[in-house]
Structure formats: structure tokens, C-alpha cells
Protein backbone atom coordinates (compact mmCIF):
# COMPACT_ATOMS: atom_id res chain seq x y z
CA UNK A 1 -24.34 18.56 47.98
CA UNK A 2 -22.66 15.24 47.37
CA UNK A 3 -20.40 14.22 44.49
CA UNK A 4 -20.37 11.14 42.29
CA UNK A 5 -17.21 10.27 40.36
CA UNK A 6 -17.25 7.59 37.68
CA UNK A 7 -13.99 6.31 36.25
CA UNK A 8 -13.31 3.64 33.68
CA UNK A 9 -10.32 1.50 34.60
CA UNK A 10 -6.96 2.45 33.15
CA UNK A 11 -5.68 0.75 30.02
CA UNK A 12 -5.58 -3.02 30.56
CA UNK A 13 -3.09 -5.38 28.99
CA UNK A 14 -5.78 -6.59 26.58
CA UNK A 15 -6.80 -3.02 25.71
CA UNK A 16 -3.18 -2.62 24.68
CA UNK A 17 -3.37 -5.83 22.62
CA UNK A 18 -6.72 -4.83 21.03
CA UNK A 19 -8.53 -7.88 22.41
CA UNK A 20 -12.09 -8.30 23.67
CA UNK A 21 -11.88 -8.69 27.44
CA UNK A 22 -15.35 -8.85 28.99
CA UNK A 23 -15.20 -10.89 32.20
CA UNK A 24 -11.68 -12.23 31.65
CA UNK A 25 -9.65 -10.98 34.61
CA UNK A 26 -6.80 -9.06 32.98
CA UNK A 27 -4.58 -6.59 34.89
CA UNK A 28 -3.67 -3.06 33.96
CA UNK A 29 -0.83 -2.28 31.61
CA UNK A 30 1.97 0.02 32.84
CA UNK A 31 0.25 2.88 31.00
CA UNK A 32 -3.03 1.96 32.69
CA UNK A 33 -1.45 2.22 36.12
CA UNK A 34 -0.12 5.67 35.33
CA UNK A 35 -3.55 6.71 33.99
CA UNK A 36 -5.09 5.66 37.30
CA UNK A 37 -2.52 7.58 39.34
CA UNK A 38 -3.05 10.68 37.19
CA UNK A 39 -6.82 10.38 37.67
CA UNK A 40 -6.30 10.19 41.41
CA UNK A 41 -4.32 13.40 41.34
CA UNK A 42 -7.10 15.12 39.36
CA UNK A 43 -9.72 14.32 41.99
CA UNK A 44 -7.56 14.45 45.13
CA UNK A 45 -9.62 17.42 46.36
CA UNK A 46 -12.72 15.20 46.77
CA UNK A 47 -12.92 13.47 50.17
CA UNK A 48 -14.71 10.22 49.32
CA UNK A 49 -16.89 8.47 51.88
CA UNK A 50 -17.28 5.15 50.06
CA UNK A 51 -16.15 3.48 46.85
CA UNK A 52 -17.58 0.79 44.59
CA UNK A 53 -15.86 -1.34 41.99
CA UNK A 54 -16.44 -4.50 39.99
CA UNK A 55 -15.05 -7.95 40.74
CA UNK A 56 -12.41 -7.60 38.01
CA UNK A 57 -8.80 -6.81 38.86
CA UNK A 58 -8.35 -4.00 36.31
CA UNK A 59 -11.11 -1.99 38.01
CA UNK A 60 -10.01 -2.91 41.54
CA UNK A 61 -6.40 -1.97 40.75
CA UNK A 62 -7.55 1.34 39.25
CA UNK A 63 -9.59 2.11 42.35
CA UNK A 64 -6.68 1.44 44.69
CA UNK A 65 -4.28 3.56 42.63
CA UNK A 66 -6.80 6.43 42.49
CA UNK A 67 -7.35 6.29 46.25
CA UNK A 68 -3.60 6.16 46.80
CA UNK A 69 -3.48 9.73 45.48
CA UNK A 70 -6.56 10.82 47.43
CA UNK A 71 -5.70 12.07 50.87
CA UNK A 72 -4.06 9.00 52.31
CA UNK A 73 -7.16 7.10 53.48
CA UNK A 74 -6.76 3.33 53.68
CA UNK A 75 -9.24 1.34 51.54
CA UNK A 76 -11.06 -1.28 53.63
CA UNK A 77 -12.87 -3.93 51.59
CA UNK A 78 -16.37 -4.62 52.85
CA UNK A 79 -16.94 -8.34 53.65
CA UNK A 80 -18.83 -10.10 50.83
CA UNK A 81 -19.59 -13.61 52.10
CA UNK A 82 -20.95 -14.98 55.36
CA UNK A 83 -17.52 -16.36 56.24
CA UNK A 84 -15.83 -13.04 55.54
CA UNK A 85 -18.44 -11.25 57.66
CA UNK A 86 -17.75 -13.65 60.53
CA UNK A 87 -14.13 -12.49 60.61
CA UNK A 88 -14.40 -8.93 59.31
CA UNK A 89 -17.55 -7.25 60.54
CA UNK A 90 -16.21 -6.77 64.05
CA UNK A 91 -13.93 -4.03 62.71
CA UNK A 92 -15.65 -0.65 62.22
CA UNK A 93 -13.94 1.57 59.67
CA UNK A 94 -12.74 4.93 60.98
CA UNK A 95 -14.15 7.55 58.55
CA UNK A 96 -11.24 9.88 59.26
CA UNK A 97 -8.66 7.26 58.25
CA UNK A 98 -10.38 4.65 56.09
CA UNK A 99 -12.77 4.35 53.18
CA UNK A 100 -15.08 1.34 52.76
CA UNK A 101 -14.84 -0.34 49.34
CA UNK A 102 -17.48 -2.67 47.91
CA UNK A 103 -16.69 -5.14 45.08
CA UNK A 104 -19.87 -5.81 43.13
CA UNK A 105 -20.62 -8.31 40.36
CA UNK A 106 -23.31 -6.01 38.94
CA UNK A 107 -20.60 -3.50 37.95
CA UNK A 108 -18.63 -6.01 35.85
CA UNK A 109 -17.98 -5.26 32.21
CA UNK A 110 -20.42 -6.49 29.58
CA UNK A 111 -19.93 -10.22 29.05
CA UNK A 112 -18.64 -10.65 25.49
CA UNK A 113 -19.26 -14.39 25.13
CA UNK A 114 -17.53 -15.96 22.11
CA UNK A 115 -15.59 -12.75 21.42
CA UNK A 116 -13.70 -12.83 24.70
CA UNK A 117 -9.96 -13.14 24.18
CA UNK A 118 -10.11 -12.51 20.43
CA UNK A 119 -8.18 -9.74 18.79
CA UNK A 120 -10.73 -7.34 17.32
CA UNK A 121 -9.23 -7.67 13.86
CA UNK A 122 -9.48 -11.46 14.07
CA UNK A 123 -13.12 -11.15 15.13
CA UNK A 124 -13.79 -8.81 12.18
CA UNK A 125 -12.26 -11.34 9.79
CA UNK A 126 -14.36 -14.16 11.26
CA UNK A 127 -17.78 -12.47 11.49
CA UNK A 128 -17.38 -9.38 9.33
CA UNK A 129 -16.39 -5.90 10.45
CA UNK A 130 -19.93 -4.52 10.20
CA UNK A 131 -21.40 -7.31 12.33
CA UNK A 132 -18.74 -6.92 15.02
CA UNK A 133 -19.36 -3.19 15.12
CA UNK A 134 -23.10 -3.85 15.57
CA UNK A 135 -22.34 -6.13 18.51
CA UNK A 136 -20.05 -3.53 20.02
CA UNK A 137 -22.24 -0.44 19.61
CA UNK A 138 -25.87 -1.47 19.29
CA UNK A 139 -28.10 -1.29 22.35
CA UNK A 140 -29.90 -4.61 22.15
CA UNK A 141 -27.85 -6.99 19.96
CA UNK A 142 -25.54 -9.35 21.84
CA UNK A 143 -22.53 -11.24 20.48
CA UNK A 144 -22.82 -15.05 20.45
CA UNK A 145 -23.05 -16.29 24.03
CA UNK A 146 -22.72 -12.78 25.45
CA UNK A 147 -24.63 -9.75 26.75
CA UNK A 148 -25.99 -6.73 24.93
CA UNK A 149 -25.75 -3.26 26.44
CA UNK A 150 -29.46 -3.64 27.22
CA UNK A 151 -28.64 -6.73 29.30
CA UNK A 152 -25.89 -4.81 31.09
CA UNK A 153 -28.25 -1.92 31.87
CA UNK A 154 -30.70 -4.42 33.38
CA UNK A 155 -28.20 -5.45 36.06
CA UNK A 156 -26.29 -2.19 36.59
CA UNK A 157 -29.09 0.37 36.93
CA UNK A 158 -31.10 -1.46 39.65
CA UNK A 159 -27.92 -1.83 41.69
CA UNK A 160 -27.18 1.88 41.28
CA UNK A 161 -30.71 2.87 42.27
CA UNK A 162 -30.91 0.53 45.26
CA UNK A 163 -27.40 0.85 46.69
CA UNK A 164 -25.53 3.91 45.46
CA UNK A 165 -28.35 6.45 45.08
CA UNK A 166 -29.46 6.25 48.76
CA UNK A 167 -25.91 6.99 49.90
CA UNK A 168 -25.76 10.00 47.59
CA UNK A 169 -29.09 11.12 48.99
CA UNK A 170 -27.51 10.91 52.44
CA UNK A 171 -24.78 13.34 51.37
CA UNK A 172 -21.91 10.91 50.77
CA UNK A 173 -19.22 11.47 48.15
CA UNK A 174 -19.00 8.27 46.09
CA UNK A 175 -16.33 6.90 43.73
CA UNK A 176 -17.19 4.18 41.21
CA UNK A 177 -14.37 2.47 39.28
CA UNK A 178 -15.80 0.15 36.65
CA UNK A 179 -15.83 -0.52 32.90
CA UNK A 180 -16.82 1.08 29.62
CA UNK A 181 -20.19 -0.62 29.31
CA UNK A 182 -21.21 -0.75 32.96
CA UNK A 183 -20.47 2.98 33.17
CA UNK A 184 -22.37 3.62 29.93
CA UNK A 185 -25.36 2.00 31.66
CA UNK A 186 -25.08 4.37 34.64
CA UNK A 187 -24.50 7.45 32.47
CA UNK A 188 -27.47 6.53 30.31
CA UNK A 189 -29.61 6.63 33.45
CA UNK A 190 -28.12 9.82 34.94
CA UNK A 191 -28.09 11.87 31.73
CA UNK A 192 -31.31 10.44 30.28
CA UNK A 193 -29.63 9.21 27.14
CA UNK A 194 -31.66 7.31 24.57
CA UNK A 195 -30.46 3.96 23.18
CA UNK A 196 -29.47 5.78 19.97
CA UNK A 197 -27.49 8.45 21.83
CA UNK A 198 -25.63 6.06 24.12
CA UNK A 199 -24.33 4.13 21.11
CA UNK A 200 -21.93 6.98 20.37
CA UNK A 201 -20.84 7.59 23.96
CA UNK A 202 -17.09 7.10 24.32
CA UNK A 203 -15.60 6.74 27.80
CA UNK A 204 -11.80 7.00 27.77
CA UNK A 205 -9.73 4.91 30.14
CA UNK A 206 -8.57 6.56 33.35
CA UNK A 207 -10.55 9.81 33.00
CA UNK A 208 -12.81 10.85 35.92
CA UNK A 209 -16.37 11.89 35.12
CA UNK A 210 -17.65 14.08 37.98
CA UNK A 211 -21.22 14.95 38.94
CA UNK A 212 -22.64 17.29 41.53
CA UNK A 213 -25.61 15.57 43.16
CA UNK A 214 -28.46 17.16 45.09
CA UNK A 215 -32.11 16.53 45.79
CA UNK A 216 -33.74 19.45 44.07
CA UNK A 217 -31.45 21.49 41.85
CA UNK A 218 -32.46 22.17 38.30
CA UNK A 219 -30.10 21.35 35.49
CA UNK A 220 -29.62 19.49 32.25
CA UNK A 221 -28.81 16.13 33.79
CA UNK A 222 -31.18 13.40 34.87
CA UNK A 223 -32.37 11.99 38.15
CA UNK A 224 -32.45 8.76 40.15
CA UNK A 225 -35.46 9.00 42.43
CA UNK A 226 -35.34 12.49 43.95
CA UNK A 227 -31.68 13.03 43.11
CA UNK A 228 -30.44 15.44 40.45
CA UNK A 229 -27.13 14.96 38.66
CA UNK A 230 -25.16 17.65 36.89
CA UNK A 231 -21.84 16.89 35.27
CA UNK A 232 -19.08 19.34 36.14
CA UNK A 233 -15.63 20.07 34.78
CA UNK A 234 -12.55 19.40 36.84
CA UNK A 235 -10.45 22.40 37.88
């Protein structure tokens, strides 16, 4: 039985400042770094085989801090471009000492368009608090120039099904460090949440969400192909 761990990045500097972040590349706050370290200690008993993260530094930094508490394996970033592969593919990772990490655009946060960089109170004053809340929590309504959660699901779920699910099927333990909305997209798929249900799903920063994964067990959770996912509590 493999394990899947999802973790939203620790508090970012713009989380602290109550600003819409989206694809703006903002680092973790000091509190966010400690949240990531604490998360790593919570899941240090899981020996991960591979990790995935977004292209954004707050998720990458979270991943590295989590893995720093997880058995001492060295993260090795998988080459992304042809030029990187030319120089990097000759080096095979040693599974006993290293863990391959993939940075993936599909796992980026929802793109917030014209809201990016704005304080949420400023946005509420400009467009109205009710409208901003609709943009934040509805499934299919996007802010001006941005993505809806439906748009985010359309890029995240196919990546999960095509890239992560086969590795889980092969028995690997997988860590995914990403963002509130990209993780909502994955959780919606795994737990068979409806658009109405996922609107109320809150994912706190720096808290691991752990699933047992197998290819035939019954349970309350959903599936991806032949896989079954059941959320478990940490010890």
C-alpha cells in the first residue's frame, strides 16, 4: 500500500499581509518556514520515493523544509528542459540517499488575474465584498483576467491522473507540496467532492493531508483509475 501526502505551502509573506498572491512568486514568512519544518516532523515516518511541487518558491521552499526533516534524503530536482537534461540526466539518483523532485506548472496556484497583489480589503472596497467572495469560493466564476477553480481543476487533475497516479499504482510513496486551490482540485477528485462541497473546503497552511492508497480496498474516499484513496489521521 502506498501513501500520498498533500501539503499546502506554509504561510507566505503575502498570506501574512492578506494579499492575493496567485502566480506572483512570494517566499515564505518566518512562520511559514516553521510550519513547514513542523509538518516535516509530523510525517518523518513516511519514506517518500518521489516529490512534486509547483514552480512557485513558496511551495518549493516548503517541500525542501519538509524533506529536511524526513530521514535525511537529498532532494534531486528532475531536469525540466532539453538543456538541463543534456547536463543532468547522466546522474541516476540513488533511492537510498536521494529523492527525485519534479517542479510542475500544472500544480501552480489559481491565477488571480487583476486581484494579484491587492490586499483583500482593498479588493472588497473596489469590487464589493460579496463579489470578491464569489470569485474566491465559487467553482466556475473567475476574477477579471484570472482563473476559476474549474479552470484550475482542468489543468491539475489530468496531470495527477497521468503522472502521479501511475507512480502510486506502482507502490511509491508520494509527497505533493502545492497551493490551496491546486490541492482543492486534487482533493475534489480523490474524495469525489461536488462543486458545492468543495466551495467550503479549507486547507490550512503547512498541515499534511495523508492518504492510504491501494488498488482495491473499499472505503469512503474516491478513486483515480483503479486506485482507492482513504484519508488517515497522523499518529
